Protein backbone atom coordinates (compact mmCIF):
# COMPACT_ATOMS: atom_id res chain seq x y z
CA MET A 1 -8.53 -1.42 12.56
CA ARG A 2 -7.71 -4.34 10.28
CA PHE A 3 -4.31 -4.89 11.93
CA GLU A 4 -5.99 -5.76 15.21
CA ALA A 5 -8.23 -8.27 13.44
CA GLY A 6 -5.17 -10.18 12.21
CA TYR A 7 -5.13 -8.98 8.61
CA GLU A 8 -1.94 -8.10 6.76
CA VAL A 9 -2.42 -4.63 5.29
CA TYR A 10 -0.63 -3.48 2.12
CA PHE A 11 -0.84 -0.21 0.24
CA VAL A 12 0.26 0.81 -3.24
CA ALA A 13 2.81 3.49 -2.39
CA ASP A 14 3.42 4.79 -5.89
CA CYS A 15 -0.29 5.13 -6.69
CA SER A 16 -1.35 7.06 -3.62
CA GLY A 17 -0.91 10.77 -3.35
CA GLY A 18 -1.32 13.88 -1.33
CA VAL A 19 -1.96 17.52 -2.02
CA THR A 20 1.79 18.17 -1.78
CA PRO A 21 4.85 15.90 -1.94
CA GLU A 22 5.28 16.43 1.80
CA ALA A 23 1.70 15.31 2.49
CA HIS A 24 2.27 12.23 0.33
CA GLU A 25 5.42 11.26 2.25
CA GLU A 26 3.79 11.93 5.62
CA GLY A 27 0.81 9.78 4.68
CA LYS A 28 3.10 6.90 3.69
CA ARG A 29 5.06 7.29 6.94
CA ARG A 30 1.87 7.11 9.00
CA MET A 31 0.70 3.96 7.21
CA ILE A 32 4.09 2.28 7.66
CA GLN A 33 4.19 3.30 11.31
CA ALA A 34 0.75 1.70 11.77
CA GLY A 35 2.10 -1.55 10.32
CA ALA A 36 1.03 -1.40 6.67
CA VAL A 37 3.42 -2.75 4.06
CA PRO A 38 4.18 -0.55 1.04
CA MET A 39 4.15 -2.12 -2.43
CA THR A 40 4.64 -0.78 -5.93
CA TRP A 41 1.98 -1.11 -8.60
CA MET A 42 4.23 -3.59 -10.42
CA ALA A 43 4.43 -5.80 -7.32
CA VAL A 44 0.62 -5.76 -7.10
CA MET A 45 0.32 -6.73 -10.77
CA ALA A 46 2.79 -9.58 -10.24
CA GLN A 47 0.51 -10.97 -7.52
CA LEU A 48 -2.52 -11.19 -9.81
CA PRO A 49 -3.22 -14.59 -11.33
CA PRO A 50 -2.78 -14.99 -15.08
CA PRO A 51 -5.91 -15.09 -17.22
CA THR A 52 -7.12 -18.57 -18.03
CA ALA A 53 -8.28 -19.64 -21.46
């Protein structure tokens, strides 16, 4: 897994889903338990560089 290779792993929590709300929450819990860091889509957008002219 990428964690073992030394990578920091992030996931977009509000853009991922499951078949049910419970499945969605369980999936997020499993990713967090594995060491992934949840982010919102707005936080991801804030990390993108601005367009250059």
